[in-house]
Amino acid sequence: MRAYECIYNLNPSLDEQAVKDKAVKYGEIVTARQGQVTSVDQWGKRRLAFPINKVFEGYYTFMRFTGDSEILKELGRVFRFDDAVVRHLIVVEERPKPVEAAKPPAEGK
């Protein structure tokens, strides 16, 4: 299994609950195919760098997950056919960060 990062932008006309429901739906797509969602960050409503189909803002969500290529195909298909998704991008995480407990700072240094 490989580590991936996904960022998607949802239409600003959606309400907060609909945005959360979409995040849950996309996470379920990953877990239903034996993947694991490691983190989901809701960045909120932000202005786009340039207008896309006369849309100037969007809700950004950043998701990290592990899985195989079948998950990528299914997520890509769902993103393409979902009218609420303005843009999406899925990339391979080059160096996955290990999950470690925070270490206290060393004293005397």
N, C-alpha and C. Protein backbone atom coordinates (compact mmCIF):
# COMPACT_ATOMS: atom_id res chain seq x y z
N MET A 1 0.84 -1.18 0.00
CA MET A 1 0.00 0.00 0.00
C MET A 1 0.89 1.24 0.00
N ARG A 2 0.45 2.24 -0.74
CA ARG A 2 1.19 3.49 -0.83
C ARG A 2 0.43 4.59 -0.10
N ALA A 3 1.16 5.63 0.25
CA ALA A 3 0.57 6.78 0.92
C ALA A 3 0.24 7.84 -0.13
N TYR A 4 -0.94 8.45 -0.02
CA TYR A 4 -1.41 9.46 -0.96
C TYR A 4 -1.89 10.69 -0.22
N GLU A 5 -1.86 11.80 -0.93
CA GLU A 5 -2.45 13.04 -0.46
C GLU A 5 -3.48 13.49 -1.48
N CYS A 6 -4.61 13.94 -1.00
CA CYS A 6 -5.70 14.37 -1.88
C CYS A 6 -6.20 15.71 -1.38
N ILE A 7 -6.37 16.64 -2.30
CA ILE A 7 -7.00 17.90 -1.96
C ILE A 7 -8.14 18.11 -2.96
N TYR A 8 -9.29 18.48 -2.43
CA TYR A 8 -10.42 18.75 -3.31
C TYR A 8 -11.10 20.04 -2.87
N ASN A 9 -11.72 20.66 -3.84
CA ASN A 9 -12.36 21.96 -3.67
C ASN A 9 -13.84 21.78 -3.97
N LEU A 10 -14.69 22.12 -3.02
CA LEU A 10 -16.14 21.98 -3.20
C LEU A 10 -16.79 23.33 -3.46
N ASN A 11 -17.91 23.29 -4.14
CA ASN A 11 -18.67 24.48 -4.49
C ASN A 11 -19.03 25.27 -3.23
N PRO A 12 -18.87 26.60 -3.25
CA PRO A 12 -19.14 27.40 -2.06
C PRO A 12 -20.62 27.51 -1.71
N SER A 13 -21.52 27.08 -2.58
CA SER A 13 -22.94 27.15 -2.27
C SER A 13 -23.39 26.06 -1.30
N LEU A 14 -22.53 25.08 -1.01
CA LEU A 14 -22.85 24.03 -0.05
C LEU A 14 -22.81 24.58 1.37
N ASP A 15 -23.65 24.03 2.24
CA ASP A 15 -23.57 24.44 3.65
C ASP A 15 -22.54 23.57 4.38
N GLU A 16 -22.25 23.93 5.63
CA GLU A 16 -21.20 23.25 6.40
C GLU A 16 -21.48 21.76 6.55
N GLN A 17 -22.73 21.39 6.80
CA GLN A 17 -23.07 19.98 6.99
C GLN A 17 -22.85 19.19 5.71
N ALA A 18 -23.17 19.77 4.57
CA ALA A 18 -22.96 19.08 3.29
C ALA A 18 -21.48 18.87 3.02
N VAL A 19 -20.65 19.83 3.40
CA VAL A 19 -19.20 19.69 3.23
C VAL A 19 -18.68 18.55 4.10
N LYS A 20 -19.15 18.47 5.34
CA LYS A 20 -18.73 17.39 6.23
C LYS A 20 -19.22 16.04 5.72
N ASP A 21 -20.44 16.00 5.18
CA ASP A 21 -20.98 14.76 4.63
C ASP A 21 -20.15 14.27 3.44
N LYS A 22 -19.69 15.20 2.62
CA LYS A 22 -18.84 14.83 1.48
C LYS A 22 -17.51 14.24 1.97
N ALA A 23 -16.93 14.84 3.01
CA ALA A 23 -15.66 14.32 3.56
C ALA A 23 -15.85 12.90 4.08
N VAL A 24 -16.97 12.64 4.74
CA VAL A 24 -17.26 11.30 5.24
C VAL A 24 -17.45 10.33 4.07
N LYS A 25 -18.17 10.77 3.06
CA LYS A 25 -18.43 9.92 1.89
C LYS A 25 -17.12 9.53 1.20
N TYR A 26 -16.22 10.48 1.00
CA TYR A 26 -14.96 10.18 0.32
C TYR A 26 -14.06 9.31 1.20
N GLY A 27 -14.12 9.49 2.51
CA GLY A 27 -13.37 8.63 3.42
C GLY A 27 -13.88 7.21 3.40
N GLU A 28 -15.20 7.05 3.27
CA GLU A 28 -15.79 5.71 3.20
C GLU A 28 -15.39 4.99 1.91
N ILE A 29 -15.19 5.73 0.83
CA ILE A 29 -14.73 5.11 -0.42
C ILE A 29 -13.36 4.49 -0.20
N VAL A 30 -12.50 5.17 0.53
CA VAL A 30 -11.15 4.66 0.81
C VAL A 30 -11.23 3.43 1.71
N THR A 31 -11.97 3.52 2.80
CA THR A 31 -12.02 2.41 3.75
C THR A 31 -12.76 1.20 3.21
N ALA A 32 -13.71 1.40 2.31
CA ALA A 32 -14.44 0.27 1.73
C ALA A 32 -13.55 -0.58 0.83
N ARG A 33 -12.45 -0.01 0.36
CA ARG A 33 -11.51 -0.75 -0.50
C ARG A 33 -10.21 -1.07 0.24
N GLN A 34 -10.31 -1.35 1.51
CA GLN A 34 -9.21 -1.75 2.38
C GLN A 34 -8.11 -0.70 2.48
N GLY A 35 -8.44 0.56 2.31
CA GLY A 35 -7.50 1.65 2.53
C GLY A 35 -7.70 2.21 3.93
N GLN A 36 -6.87 3.17 4.28
CA GLN A 36 -6.97 3.78 5.60
C GLN A 36 -6.78 5.28 5.47
N VAL A 37 -7.73 6.04 5.98
CA VAL A 37 -7.62 7.50 6.00
C VAL A 37 -6.81 7.86 7.23
N THR A 38 -5.67 8.53 7.02
CA THR A 38 -4.80 8.88 8.15
C THR A 38 -5.12 10.25 8.71
N SER A 39 -5.56 11.20 7.86
CA SER A 39 -5.94 12.52 8.37
C SER A 39 -6.83 13.23 7.37
N VAL A 40 -7.71 14.07 7.91
CA VAL A 40 -8.58 14.92 7.10
C VAL A 40 -8.54 16.31 7.72
N ASP A 41 -8.15 17.30 6.93
CA ASP A 41 -8.09 18.68 7.39
C ASP A 41 -9.07 19.52 6.58
N GLN A 42 -10.03 20.12 7.28
CA GLN A 42 -10.97 21.03 6.63
C GLN A 42 -10.35 22.42 6.65
N TRP A 43 -9.95 22.93 5.50
CA TRP A 43 -9.32 24.25 5.42
C TRP A 43 -10.34 25.37 5.36
N GLY A 44 -11.58 25.04 5.07
CA GLY A 44 -12.63 26.05 5.03
C GLY A 44 -12.75 26.73 3.68
N LYS A 45 -13.53 27.81 3.68
CA LYS A 45 -13.80 28.54 2.44
C LYS A 45 -12.64 29.48 2.15
N ARG A 46 -12.10 29.36 0.93
CA ARG A 46 -10.98 30.20 0.50
C ARG A 46 -11.25 30.71 -0.90
N ARG A 47 -10.60 31.80 -1.23
CA ARG A 47 -10.70 32.37 -2.57
C ARG A 47 -9.79 31.57 -3.50
N LEU A 48 -10.29 31.28 -4.69
CA LEU A 48 -9.50 30.55 -5.70
C LEU A 48 -8.47 31.49 -6.32
N ALA A 49 -7.39 30.93 -6.81
CA ALA A 49 -6.35 31.72 -7.46
C ALA A 49 -6.88 32.32 -8.77
N PHE A 50 -7.77 31.59 -9.42
CA PHE A 50 -8.40 32.08 -10.64
C PHE A 50 -9.81 31.48 -10.70
N PRO A 51 -10.75 32.15 -11.35
CA PRO A 51 -12.12 31.62 -11.39
C PRO A 51 -12.20 30.35 -12.24
N ILE A 52 -13.00 29.40 -11.75
CA ILE A 52 -13.26 28.15 -12.46
C ILE A 52 -14.76 28.08 -12.68
N ASN A 53 -15.18 28.11 -13.93
CA ASN A 53 -16.61 28.08 -14.28
C ASN A 53 -17.40 29.15 -13.52
N LYS A 54 -16.85 30.35 -13.47
CA LYS A 54 -17.45 31.51 -12.82
C LYS A 54 -17.62 31.34 -11.31
N VAL A 55 -16.80 30.46 -10.72
CA VAL A 55 -16.78 30.26 -9.27
C VAL A 55 -15.49 30.87 -8.75
N PHE A 56 -15.60 31.72 -7.74
CA PHE A 56 -14.43 32.46 -7.24
C PHE A 56 -13.95 31.95 -5.88
N GLU A 57 -14.76 31.14 -5.17
CA GLU A 57 -14.41 30.61 -3.87
C GLU A 57 -14.73 29.13 -3.83
N GLY A 58 -14.22 28.47 -2.79
CA GLY A 58 -14.53 27.06 -2.61
C GLY A 58 -14.13 26.57 -1.24
N TYR A 59 -14.70 25.44 -0.82
CA TYR A 59 -14.33 24.79 0.43
C TYR A 59 -13.21 23.80 0.14
N TYR A 60 -12.07 24.02 0.77
CA TYR A 60 -10.91 23.14 0.56
C TYR A 60 -10.86 22.08 1.66
N THR A 61 -10.56 20.85 1.24
CA THR A 61 -10.36 19.75 2.17
C THR A 61 -9.12 18.98 1.75
N PHE A 62 -8.25 18.69 2.71
CA PHE A 62 -7.01 17.97 2.48
C PHE A 62 -7.11 16.63 3.20
N MET A 63 -6.88 15.53 2.47
CA MET A 63 -7.01 14.20 3.04
C MET A 63 -5.76 13.38 2.74
N ARG A 64 -5.22 12.72 3.76
CA ARG A 64 -4.12 11.77 3.58
C ARG A 64 -4.69 10.38 3.78
N PHE A 65 -4.26 9.45 2.92
CA PHE A 65 -4.74 8.08 3.05
C PHE A 65 -3.72 7.11 2.46
N THR A 66 -3.88 5.83 2.80
CA THR A 66 -3.07 4.78 2.22
C THR A 66 -3.99 3.84 1.47
N GLY A 67 -3.47 3.23 0.41
CA GLY A 67 -4.29 2.33 -0.37
C GLY A 67 -3.60 1.90 -1.64
N ASP A 68 -4.38 1.33 -2.55
CA ASP A 68 -3.84 0.87 -3.82
C ASP A 68 -4.45 1.67 -4.97
N SER A 69 -4.12 1.27 -6.17
CA SER A 69 -4.55 2.04 -7.35
C SER A 69 -6.06 1.98 -7.59
N GLU A 70 -6.71 0.95 -7.09
CA GLU A 70 -8.17 0.86 -7.27
C GLU A 70 -8.88 1.99 -6.53
N ILE A 71 -8.34 2.39 -5.40
CA ILE A 71 -8.92 3.50 -4.65
C ILE A 71 -8.79 4.79 -5.46
N LEU A 72 -7.63 4.98 -6.11
CA LEU A 72 -7.42 6.18 -6.92
C LEU A 72 -8.41 6.24 -8.07
N LYS A 73 -8.61 5.12 -8.72
CA LYS A 73 -9.56 5.08 -9.85
C LYS A 73 -10.97 5.43 -9.39
N GLU A 74 -11.38 4.85 -8.27
CA GLU A 74 -12.74 5.10 -7.78
C GLU A 74 -12.91 6.53 -7.29
N LEU A 75 -11.93 7.06 -6.55
CA LEU A 75 -12.02 8.45 -6.10
C LEU A 75 -12.05 9.40 -7.29
N GLY A 76 -11.21 9.17 -8.28
CA GLY A 76 -11.20 10.01 -9.47
C GLY A 76 -12.53 9.98 -10.19
N ARG A 77 -13.14 8.80 -10.27
CA ARG A 77 -14.44 8.66 -10.93
C ARG A 77 -15.52 9.42 -10.15
N VAL A 78 -15.51 9.27 -8.83
CA VAL A 78 -16.52 9.94 -8.01
C VAL A 78 -16.34 11.46 -8.07
N PHE A 79 -15.10 11.92 -8.01
CA PHE A 79 -14.85 13.37 -8.10
C PHE A 79 -15.31 13.94 -9.44
N ARG A 80 -15.07 13.22 -10.53
CA ARG A 80 -15.46 13.72 -11.86
C ARG A 80 -16.97 13.84 -12.01
N PHE A 81 -17.72 12.91 -11.42
CA PHE A 81 -19.16 12.91 -11.62
C PHE A 81 -19.93 13.67 -10.54
N ASP A 82 -19.25 14.12 -9.50
CA ASP A 82 -19.91 14.88 -8.44
C ASP A 82 -19.91 16.36 -8.83
N ASP A 83 -21.09 16.94 -8.98
CA ASP A 83 -21.22 18.34 -9.39
C ASP A 83 -20.71 19.31 -8.32
N ALA A 84 -20.64 18.88 -7.07
CA ALA A 84 -20.18 19.76 -6.00
C ALA A 84 -18.66 19.95 -6.03
N VAL A 85 -17.92 19.05 -6.67
CA VAL A 85 -16.46 19.13 -6.71
C VAL A 85 -16.05 20.06 -7.85
N VAL A 86 -15.36 21.15 -7.49
CA VAL A 86 -14.87 22.09 -8.49
C VAL A 86 -13.56 21.58 -9.09
N ARG A 87 -12.61 21.20 -8.24
CA ARG A 87 -11.32 20.65 -8.65
C ARG A 87 -10.86 19.63 -7.63
N HIS A 88 -10.01 18.71 -8.07
CA HIS A 88 -9.39 17.76 -7.15
C HIS A 88 -8.00 17.40 -7.65
N LEU A 89 -7.17 16.94 -6.73
CA LEU A 89 -5.82 16.52 -7.06
C LEU A 89 -5.41 15.42 -6.08
N ILE A 90 -4.92 14.31 -6.62
CA ILE A 90 -4.42 13.20 -5.81
C ILE A 90 -2.98 12.95 -6.22
N VAL A 91 -2.07 12.94 -5.25
CA VAL A 91 -0.65 12.71 -5.54
C VAL A 91 -0.11 11.66 -4.57
N VAL A 92 0.97 11.01 -5.00
CA VAL A 92 1.66 10.05 -4.15
C VAL A 92 2.49 10.84 -3.15
N GLU A 93 2.40 10.47 -1.90
CA GLU A 93 3.21 11.12 -0.88
C GLU A 93 4.61 10.53 -0.98
N GLU A 94 5.56 11.36 -1.37
CA GLU A 94 6.93 10.89 -1.63
C GLU A 94 7.56 10.25 -0.41
N ARG A 95 7.58 10.96 0.68
CA ARG A 95 8.15 10.44 1.91
C ARG A 95 7.08 10.47 2.99
N PRO A 96 6.38 9.37 3.19
CA PRO A 96 5.35 9.39 4.21
C PRO A 96 5.95 9.65 5.59
N LYS A 97 5.29 10.50 6.33
CA LYS A 97 5.76 10.85 7.67
C LYS A 97 5.29 9.77 8.65
N PRO A 98 6.22 9.20 9.42
CA PRO A 98 5.81 8.19 10.40
C PRO A 98 5.00 8.83 11.52
N VAL A 99 4.05 8.09 12.00
CA VAL A 99 3.23 8.57 13.10
C VAL A 99 3.98 8.29 14.39
N GLU A 100 4.41 9.33 15.07
CA GLU A 100 5.16 9.19 16.31
C GLU A 100 4.55 10.10 17.36
N ALA A 101 4.74 9.70 18.58
CA ALA A 101 4.30 10.55 19.69
C ALA A 101 5.25 11.74 19.79
N ALA A 102 4.72 12.86 20.22
CA ALA A 102 5.54 14.06 20.36
C ALA A 102 6.59 13.83 21.45
N LYS A 103 7.82 14.20 21.15
CA LYS A 103 8.91 14.04 22.11
C LYS A 103 9.12 15.35 22.85
N PRO A 104 9.30 15.28 24.16
CA PRO A 104 9.55 16.52 24.90
C PRO A 104 10.93 17.05 24.54
N PRO A 105 11.12 18.38 24.55
CA PRO A 105 12.42 18.94 24.21
C PRO A 105 13.48 18.50 25.21
N ALA A 106 14.68 18.26 24.70
CA ALA A 106 15.79 17.85 25.58
C ALA A 106 16.24 19.04 26.42
N GLU A 107 16.47 18.78 27.70
CA GLU A 107 16.89 19.86 28.60
C GLU A 107 18.39 20.10 28.51
N GLY A 108 18.79 21.33 28.65
CA GLY A 108 20.20 21.66 28.67
C GLY A 108 20.79 21.90 27.29
N LYS A 109 19.98 21.90 26.29
CA LYS A 109 20.51 22.14 24.93
C LYS A 109 19.99 23.42 24.39
